[in-house]
């Protein structure tokens, strides 16, 4: 099964899905989310797709960083080996 992206979740959403996001009057660092059952199901799917996308991106980034580290280790090993031969 193909993973859902945030864009695909939004594309599949019904036009009737509506929810309200507003800061709490007592503490504006928190928000209140109001909506019906379908709105919260949509929001759950969207957050899940976003989390999955970020996990995949972080994994790819970690592999690239590890590849750079591996190349650095090879270069360092070759330098040490060359120095030992000299």
PDB file of N, CA and C in Angstrom:
ATOM      1  N   UNK A   1       0.838  -1.184   0.000  1.00  0.00           N
ATOM      2  CA  UNK A   1       0.000   0.000   0.000  1.00  0.00           C
ATOM      3  C   UNK A   1       0.884   1.249   0.000  1.00  0.00           C
ATOM      4  N   UNK A   2       0.579   2.173  -0.877  1.00  0.00           N
ATOM      5  CA  UNK A   2       1.353   3.395  -0.991  1.00  0.00           C
ATOM      6  C   UNK A   2       1.066   4.309   0.205  1.00  0.00           C
ATOM      7  N   UNK A   3       2.111   4.918   0.709  1.00  0.00           N
ATOM      8  CA  UNK A   3       1.949   5.838   1.840  1.00  0.00           C
ATOM      9  C   UNK A   3       1.230   7.095   1.401  1.00  0.00           C
ATOM     10  N   UNK A   4       0.419   7.600   2.296  1.00  0.00           N
ATOM     11  CA  UNK A   4      -0.296   8.849   2.039  1.00  0.00           C
ATOM     12  C   UNK A   4       0.637  10.022   2.321  1.00  0.00           C
ATOM     13  N   UNK A   5       0.591  11.013   1.464  1.00  0.00           N
ATOM     14  CA  UNK A   5       1.333  12.250   1.697  1.00  0.00           C
ATOM     15  C   UNK A   5       0.345  13.289   2.204  1.00  0.00           C
ATOM     16  N   UNK A   6       0.838  14.342   2.850  1.00  0.00           N
ATOM     17  CA  UNK A   6      -0.088  15.398   3.257  1.00  0.00           C
ATOM     18  C   UNK A   6      -0.905  15.944   2.082  1.00  0.00           C
ATOM     19  N   UNK A   7      -0.274  16.068   0.918  1.00  0.00           N
ATOM     20  CA  UNK A   7      -0.997  16.573  -0.253  1.00  0.00           C
ATOM     21  C   UNK A   7      -2.106  15.619  -0.688  1.00  0.00           C
ATOM     22  N   UNK A   8      -1.832  14.304  -0.649  1.00  0.00           N
ATOM     23  CA  UNK A   8      -2.862  13.349  -1.073  1.00  0.00           C
ATOM     24  C   UNK A   8      -4.011  13.301  -0.066  1.00  0.00           C
ATOM     25  N   UNK A   9      -3.703  13.458   1.221  1.00  0.00           N
ATOM     26  CA  UNK A   9      -4.760  13.492   2.231  1.00  0.00           C
ATOM     27  C   UNK A   9      -5.659  14.699   1.986  1.00  0.00           C
ATOM     28  N   UNK A  10      -5.063  15.835   1.705  1.00  0.00           N
ATOM     29  CA  UNK A  10      -5.855  17.044   1.437  1.00  0.00           C
ATOM     30  C   UNK A  10      -6.664  16.900   0.149  1.00  0.00           C
ATOM     31  N   UNK A  11      -6.084  16.270  -0.858  1.00  0.00           N
ATOM     32  CA  UNK A  11      -6.779  16.096  -2.131  1.00  0.00           C
ATOM     33  C   UNK A  11      -8.000  15.191  -1.977  1.00  0.00           C
ATOM     34  N   UNK A  12      -7.922  14.207  -1.085  1.00  0.00           N
ATOM     35  CA  UNK A  12      -9.032  13.283  -0.868  1.00  0.00           C
ATOM     36  C   UNK A  12     -10.100  13.853   0.061  1.00  0.00           C
ATOM     37  N   UNK A  13      -9.814  14.955   0.706  1.00  0.00           N
ATOM     38  CA  UNK A  13     -10.739  15.524   1.692  1.00  0.00           C
ATOM     39  C   UNK A  13     -12.001  16.047   1.016  1.00  0.00           C
ATOM     40  N   UNK A  14     -13.092  15.919   1.728  1.00  0.00           N
ATOM     41  CA  UNK A  14     -14.370  16.444   1.247  1.00  0.00           C
ATOM     42  C   UNK A  14     -14.394  17.954   1.457  1.00  0.00           C
ATOM     43  N   UNK A  15     -15.098  18.640   0.579  1.00  0.00           N
ATOM     44  CA  UNK A  15     -15.219  20.091   0.707  1.00  0.00           C
ATOM     45  C   UNK A  15     -15.984  20.493   1.961  1.00  0.00           C
ATOM     46  N   UNK A  16     -16.725  19.557   2.546  1.00  0.00           N
ATOM     47  CA  UNK A  16     -17.541  19.858   3.716  1.00  0.00           C
ATOM     48  C   UNK A  16     -16.749  19.857   5.015  1.00  0.00           C
ATOM     49  N   UNK A  17     -15.501  19.403   4.991  1.00  0.00           N
ATOM     50  CA  UNK A  17     -14.714  19.333   6.219  1.00  0.00           C
ATOM     51  C   UNK A  17     -14.325  20.741   6.652  1.00  0.00           C
ATOM     52  N   UNK A  18     -14.738  21.067   7.854  1.00  0.00           N
ATOM     53  CA  UNK A  18     -14.427  22.388   8.401  1.00  0.00           C
ATOM     54  C   UNK A  18     -14.110  22.240   9.877  1.00  0.00           C
ATOM     55  N   UNK A  19     -13.110  22.962  10.307  1.00  0.00           N
ATOM     56  CA  UNK A  19     -12.812  23.036  11.724  1.00  0.00           C
ATOM     57  C   UNK A  19     -12.258  24.419  12.026  1.00  0.00           C
ATOM     58  N   UNK A  20     -12.316  24.756  13.295  1.00  0.00           N
ATOM     59  CA  UNK A  20     -11.878  26.077  13.726  1.00  0.00           C
ATOM     60  C   UNK A  20     -10.696  25.910  14.666  1.00  0.00           C
ATOM     61  N   UNK A  21      -9.662  26.714  14.458  1.00  0.00           N
ATOM     62  CA  UNK A  21      -8.489  26.722  15.330  1.00  0.00           C
ATOM     63  C   UNK A  21      -8.348  28.132  15.868  1.00  0.00           C
ATOM     64  N   UNK A  22      -8.367  28.256  17.197  1.00  0.00           N
ATOM     65  CA  UNK A  22      -8.285  29.584  17.819  1.00  0.00           C
ATOM     66  C   UNK A  22      -7.439  29.504  19.084  1.00  0.00           C
ATOM     67  N   UNK A  23      -6.672  30.559  19.371  1.00  0.00           N
ATOM     68  CA  UNK A  23      -5.891  30.555  20.614  1.00  0.00           C
ATOM     69  C   UNK A  23      -6.824  30.609  21.824  1.00  0.00           C
ATOM     70  N   UNK A  24      -6.427  29.956  22.902  1.00  0.00           N
ATOM     71  CA  UNK A  24      -7.209  30.026  24.133  1.00  0.00           C
ATOM     72  C   UNK A  24      -7.089  31.433  24.719  1.00  0.00           C
ATOM     73  N   UNK A  25      -8.185  31.992  25.160  1.00  0.00           N
ATOM     74  CA  UNK A  25      -8.134  33.360  25.698  1.00  0.00           C
ATOM     75  C   UNK A  25      -7.224  33.489  26.923  1.00  0.00           C
ATOM     76  N   UNK A  26      -7.206  32.473  27.777  1.00  0.00           N
ATOM     77  CA  UNK A  26      -6.403  32.535  29.002  1.00  0.00           C
ATOM     78  C   UNK A  26      -4.914  32.306  28.756  1.00  0.00           C
ATOM     79  N   UNK A  27      -4.598  31.539  27.710  1.00  0.00           N
ATOM     80  CA  UNK A  27      -3.194  31.237  27.407  1.00  0.00           C
ATOM     81  C   UNK A  27      -3.041  31.080  25.901  1.00  0.00           C
ATOM     82  N   UNK A  28      -2.658  32.146  25.190  1.00  0.00           N
ATOM     83  CA  UNK A  28      -2.580  32.090  23.730  1.00  0.00           C
ATOM     84  C   UNK A  28      -1.492  31.176  23.180  1.00  0.00           C
ATOM     85  N   UNK A  29      -0.686  30.570  24.047  1.00  0.00           N
ATOM     86  CA  UNK A  29       0.300  29.606  23.550  1.00  0.00           C
ATOM     87  C   UNK A  29      -0.351  28.259  23.234  1.00  0.00           C
ATOM     88  N   UNK A  30      -1.598  28.078  23.663  1.00  0.00           N
ATOM     89  CA  UNK A  30      -2.372  26.876  23.362  1.00  0.00           C
ATOM     90  C   UNK A  30      -3.501  27.233  22.424  1.00  0.00           C
ATOM     91  N   UNK A  31      -3.923  26.259  21.614  1.00  0.00           N
ATOM     92  CA  UNK A  31      -5.043  26.493  20.709  1.00  0.00           C
ATOM     93  C   UNK A  31      -6.177  25.527  21.004  1.00  0.00           C
ATOM     94  N   UNK A  32      -7.361  25.952  20.664  1.00  0.00           N
ATOM     95  CA  UNK A  32      -8.558  25.141  20.763  1.00  0.00           C
ATOM     96  C   UNK A  32      -8.948  24.755  19.346  1.00  0.00           C
ATOM     97  N   UNK A  33      -9.178  23.473  19.123  1.00  0.00           N
ATOM     98  CA  UNK A  33      -9.600  23.001  17.809  1.00  0.00           C
ATOM     99  C   UNK A  33     -11.032  22.494  17.947  1.00  0.00           C
ATOM    100  N   UNK A  34     -11.921  23.061  17.154  1.00  0.00           N
ATOM    101  CA  UNK A  34     -13.323  22.656  17.167  1.00  0.00           C
ATOM    102  C   UNK A  34     -13.702  22.109  15.800  1.00  0.00           C
ATOM    103  N   UNK A  35     -14.489  21.043  15.800  1.00  0.00           N
ATOM    104  CA  UNK A  35     -14.965  20.465  14.555  1.00  0.00           C
ATOM    105  C   UNK A  35     -15.808  19.248  14.831  1.00  0.00           C
ATOM    106  N   UNK A  36     -16.371  18.683  13.750  1.00  0.00           N
ATOM    107  CA  UNK A  36     -17.156  17.467  13.918  1.00  0.00           C
ATOM    108  C   UNK A  36     -16.248  16.240  13.774  1.00  0.00           C
ATOM    109  N   UNK A  37     -16.857  15.080  13.858  1.00  0.00           N
ATOM    110  CA  UNK A  37     -16.111  13.817  13.821  1.00  0.00           C
ATOM    111  C   UNK A  37     -15.274  13.683  12.543  1.00  0.00           C
ATOM    112  N   UNK A  38     -15.860  14.033  11.407  1.00  0.00           N
ATOM    113  CA  UNK A  38     -15.138  13.927  10.131  1.00  0.00           C
ATOM    114  C   UNK A  38     -13.947  14.883  10.076  1.00  0.00           C
ATOM    115  N   UNK A  39     -14.090  16.056  10.661  1.00  0.00           N
ATOM    116  CA  UNK A  39     -12.990  17.018  10.677  1.00  0.00           C
ATOM    117  C   UNK A  39     -11.811  16.471  11.475  1.00  0.00           C
ATOM    118  N   UNK A  40     -12.106  15.835  12.612  1.00  0.00           N
ATOM    119  CA  UNK A  40     -11.024  15.281  13.420  1.00  0.00           C
ATOM    120  C   UNK A  40     -10.403  14.047  12.779  1.00  0.00           C
ATOM    121  N   UNK A  41     -11.193  13.255  12.059  1.00  0.00           N
ATOM    122  CA  UNK A  41     -10.631  12.116  11.320  1.00  0.00           C
ATOM    123  C   UNK A  41      -9.673  12.618  10.241  1.00  0.00           C
ATOM    124  N   UNK A  42     -10.094  13.676   9.528  1.00  0.00           N
ATOM    125  CA  UNK A  42      -9.229  14.275   8.515  1.00  0.00           C
ATOM    126  C   UNK A  42      -7.941  14.792   9.141  1.00  0.00           C
ATOM    127  N   UNK A  43      -8.076  15.504  10.254  1.00  0.00           N
ATOM    128  CA  UNK A  43      -6.907  16.070  10.925  1.00  0.00           C
ATOM    129  C   UNK A  43      -5.961  14.963  11.382  1.00  0.00           C
ATOM    130  N   UNK A  44      -6.508  13.855  11.866  1.00  0.00           N
ATOM    131  CA  UNK A  44      -5.682  12.716  12.281  1.00  0.00           C
ATOM    132  C   UNK A  44      -4.925  12.128  11.085  1.00  0.00           C
ATOM    133  N   UNK A  45      -5.620  11.964   9.955  1.00  0.00           N
ATOM    134  CA  UNK A  45      -4.949  11.438   8.756  1.00  0.00           C
ATOM    135  C   UNK A  45      -3.865  12.392   8.272  1.00  0.00           C
ATOM    136  N   UNK A  46      -4.157  13.691   8.324  1.00  0.00           N
ATOM    137  CA  UNK A  46      -3.185  14.691   7.876  1.00  0.00           C
ATOM    138  C   UNK A  46      -1.939  14.695   8.772  1.00  0.00           C
ATOM    139  N   UNK A  47      -2.144  14.664  10.081  1.00  0.00           N
ATOM    140  CA  UNK A  47      -1.009  14.652  11.014  1.00  0.00           C
ATOM    141  C   UNK A  47      -0.195  13.365  10.866  1.00  0.00           C
ATOM    142  N   UNK A  48      -0.876  12.243  10.638  1.00  0.00           N
ATOM    143  CA  UNK A  48      -0.175  10.974  10.434  1.00  0.00           C
ATOM    144  C   UNK A  48       0.676  11.025   9.165  1.00  0.00           C
ATOM    145  N   UNK A  49       0.114  11.554   8.097  1.00  0.00           N
ATOM    146  CA  UNK A  49       0.860  11.661   6.834  1.00  0.00           C
ATOM    147  C   UNK A  49       2.049  12.607   6.989  1.00  0.00           C
ATOM    148  N   UNK A  50       1.854  13.700   7.715  1.00  0.00           N
ATOM    149  CA  UNK A  50       2.951  14.654   7.937  1.00  0.00           C
ATOM    150  C   UNK A  50       4.061  14.021   8.757  1.00  0.00           C
ATOM    151  N   UNK A  51       3.689  13.294   9.801  1.00  0.00           N
ATOM    152  CA  UNK A  51       4.693  12.624  10.640  1.00  0.00           C
ATOM    153  C   UNK A  51       5.457  11.582   9.835  1.00  0.00           C
ATOM    154  N   UNK A  52       4.766  10.844   9.005  1.00  0.00           N
ATOM    155  CA  UNK A  52       5.401   9.824   8.165  1.00  0.00           C
ATOM    156  C   UNK A  52       6.356  10.477   7.170  1.00  0.00           C
ATOM    157  N   UNK A  53       5.937  11.586   6.575  1.00  0.00           N
ATOM    158  CA  UNK A  53       6.782  12.295   5.607  1.00  0.00           C
ATOM    159  C   UNK A  53       8.049  12.811   6.277  1.00  0.00           C
ATOM    160  N   UNK A  54       7.922  13.331   7.484  1.00  0.00           N
ATOM    161  CA  UNK A  54       9.089  13.842   8.207  1.00  0.00           C
ATOM    162  C   UNK A  54      10.020  12.708   8.608  1.00  0.00           C
ATOM    163  N   UNK A  55       9.454  11.548   8.968  1.00  0.00           N
ATOM    164  CA  UNK A  55      10.261  10.387   9.340  1.00  0.00           C
ATOM    165  C   UNK A  55      11.065   9.901   8.143  1.00  0.00           C
ATOM    166  N   UNK A  56      10.421   9.847   6.990  1.00  0.00           N
ATOM    167  CA  UNK A  56      11.112   9.407   5.771  1.00  0.00           C
ATOM    168  C   UNK A  56      12.204  10.405   5.404  1.00  0.00           C
ATOM    169  N   UNK A  57      11.905  11.693   5.476  1.00  0.00           N
ATOM    170  CA  UNK A  57      12.898  12.723   5.153  1.00  0.00           C
ATOM    171  C   UNK A  57      14.080  12.657   6.117  1.00  0.00           C
ATOM    172  N   UNK A  58      13.817  12.451   7.398  1.00  0.00           N
ATOM    173  CA  UNK A  58      14.896  12.359   8.385  1.00  0.00           C
ATOM    174  C   UNK A  58      15.749  11.129   8.132  1.00  0.00           C
ATOM    175  N   UNK A  59      15.115  10.034   7.745  1.00  0.00           N
ATOM    176  CA  UNK A  59      15.853   8.808   7.454  1.00  0.00           C
ATOM    177  C   UNK A  59      16.772   9.001   6.251  1.00  0.00           C
ATOM    178  N   UNK A  60      16.265   9.650   5.215  1.00  0.00           N
ATOM    179  CA  UNK A  60      17.087   9.921   4.028  1.00  0.00           C
ATOM    180  C   UNK A  60      18.257  10.831   4.381  1.00  0.00           C
ATOM    181  N   UNK A  61      17.979  11.843   5.190  1.00  0.00           N
ATOM    182  CA  UNK A  61      19.018  12.774   5.605  1.00  0.00           C
ATOM    183  C   UNK A  61      20.091  12.052   6.413  1.00  0.00           C
ATOM    184  N   UNK A  62      19.675  11.169   7.301  1.00  0.00           N
ATOM    185  CA  UNK A  62      20.634  10.419   8.121  1.00  0.00           C
ATOM    186  C   UNK A  62      21.503   9.525   7.249  1.00  0.00           C
ATOM    187  N   UNK A  63      20.904   8.924   6.228  1.00  0.00           N
ATOM    188  CA  UNK A  63      21.697   8.071   5.325  1.00  0.00           C
ATOM    189  C   UNK A  63      22.720   8.897   4.560  1.00  0.00           C
ATOM    190  N   UNK A  64      22.341  10.125   4.134  1.00  0.00           N
ATOM    191  CA  UNK A  64      23.285  10.990   3.426  1.00  0.00           C
ATOM    192  C   UNK A  64      24.429  11.391   4.348  1.00  0.00           C
ATOM    193  N   UNK A  65      24.100  11.736   5.589  1.00  0.00           N
ATOM    194  CA  UNK A  65      25.135  12.124   6.547  1.00  0.00           C
ATOM    195  C   UNK A  65      26.055  10.941   6.806  1.00  0.00           C
ATOM    196  N   UNK A  66      25.501   9.742   6.961  1.00  0.00           N
ATOM    197  CA  UNK A  66      26.329   8.558   7.201  1.00  0.00           C
ATOM    198  C   UNK A  66      27.234   8.302   6.003  1.00  0.00           C
ATOM    199  N   UNK A  67      26.709   8.526   4.795  1.00  0.00           N
ATOM    200  CA  UNK A  67      27.532   8.346   3.597  1.00  0.00           C
ATOM    201  C   UNK A  67      28.720   9.291   3.596  1.00  0.00           C
ATOM    202  N   UNK A  68      28.514  10.528   4.014  1.00  0.00           N
ATOM    203  CA  UNK A  68      29.610  11.502   4.102  1.00  0.00           C
ATOM    204  C   UNK A  68      30.615  11.051   5.155  1.00  0.00           C
ATOM    205  N   UNK A  69      30.120  10.570   6.294  1.00  0.00           N
ATOM    206  CA  UNK A  69      31.024  10.082   7.343  1.00  0.00           C
ATOM    207  C   UNK A  69      31.845   8.890   6.845  1.00  0.00           C
ATOM    208  N   UNK A  70      31.181   7.977   6.107  1.00  0.00           N
ATOM    209  CA  UNK A  70      31.887   6.816   5.578  1.00  0.00           C
ATOM    210  C   UNK A  70      32.993   7.250   4.627  1.00  0.00           C
ATOM    211  N   UNK A  71      32.701   8.220   3.749  1.00  0.00           N
ATOM    212  CA  UNK A  71      33.717   8.712   2.815  1.00  0.00           C
ATOM    213  C   UNK A  71      34.871   9.365   3.573  1.00  0.00           C
ATOM    214  N   UNK A  72      34.548  10.099   4.631  1.00  0.00           N
ATOM    215  CA  UNK A  72      35.579  10.734   5.437  1.00  0.00           C
ATOM    216  C   UNK A  72      36.478   9.678   6.086  1.00  0.00           C
ATOM    217  N   UNK A  73      35.873   8.605   6.590  1.00  0.00           N
ATOM    218  CA  UNK A  73      36.650   7.527   7.216  1.00  0.00           C
ATOM    219  C   UNK A  73      37.575   6.872   6.196  1.00  0.00           C
ATOM    220  N   UNK A  74      37.066   6.628   4.996  1.00  0.00           N
ATOM    221  CA  UNK A  74      37.905   6.012   3.952  1.00  0.00           C
ATOM    222  C   UNK A  74      39.073   6.927   3.632  1.00  0.00           C
ATOM    223  N   UNK A  75      38.816   8.223   3.462  1.00  0.00           N
ATOM    224  CA  UNK A  75      39.873   9.177   3.143  1.00  0.00           C
ATOM    225  C   UNK A  75      40.895   9.229   4.283  1.00  0.00           C
ATOM    226  N   UNK A  76      40.405   9.263   5.524  1.00  0.00           N
ATOM    227  CA  UNK A  76      41.294   9.312   6.681  1.00  0.00           C
ATOM    228  C   UNK A  76      42.155   8.047   6.741  1.00  0.00           C
ATOM    229  N   UNK A  77      41.540   6.887   6.500  1.00  0.00           N
ATOM    230  CA  UNK A  77      42.285   5.632   6.521  1.00  0.00           C
ATOM    231  C   UNK A  77      43.352   5.609   5.431  1.00  0.00           C
ATOM    232  N   UNK A  78      43.004   6.101   4.246  1.00  0.00           N
ATOM    233  CA  UNK A  78      43.976   6.133   3.150  1.00  0.00           C
ATOM    234  C   UNK A  78      45.121   7.066   3.493  1.00  0.00           C
ATOM    235  N   UNK A  79      44.826   8.199   4.142  1.00  0.00           N
ATOM    236  CA  UNK A  79      45.876   9.144   4.529  1.00  0.00           C
ATOM    237  C   UNK A  79      46.824   8.515   5.531  1.00  0.00           C
ATOM    238  N   UNK A  80      46.254   7.810   6.513  1.00  0.00           N
ATOM    239  CA  UNK A  80      47.099   7.131   7.512  1.00  0.00           C
ATOM    240  C   UNK A  80      47.949   6.057   6.855  1.00  0.00           C
ATOM    241  N   UNK A  81      47.358   5.290   5.946  1.00  0.00           N
ATOM    242  CA  UNK A  81      48.066   4.238   5.251  1.00  0.00           C
ATOM    243  C   UNK A  81      49.199   4.820   4.399  1.00  0.00           C
ATOM    244  N   UNK A  82      48.896   5.931   3.700  1.00  0.00           N
ATOM    245  CA  UNK A  82      49.930   6.578   2.887  1.00  0.00           C
ATOM    246  C   UNK A  82      51.072   7.088   3.752  1.00  0.00           C
ATOM    247  N   UNK A  83      50.732   7.660   4.907  1.00  0.00           N
ATOM    248  CA  UNK A  83      51.755   8.178   5.821  1.00  0.00           C
ATOM    249  C   UNK A  83      52.635   7.043   6.342  1.00  0.00           C
ATOM    250  N   UNK A  84      52.029   5.886   6.585  1.00  0.00           N
ATOM    251  CA  UNK A  84      52.803   4.748   7.100  1.00  0.00           C
ATOM    252  C   UNK A  84      53.766   4.212   6.040  1.00  0.00           C
ATOM    253  N   UNK A  85      53.399   4.305   4.776  1.00  0.00           N
ATOM    254  CA  UNK A  85      54.252   3.805   3.708  1.00  0.00           C
ATOM    255  C   UNK A  85      55.428   4.733   3.445  1.00  0.00           C
ATOM    256  N   UNK A  86      55.275   5.992   3.753  1.00  0.00           N
ATOM    257  CA  UNK A  86      56.309   6.989   3.422  1.00  0.00           C
ATOM    258  C   UNK A  86      57.525   6.866   4.300  1.00  0.00           C
TER     259      UNK A  86
END
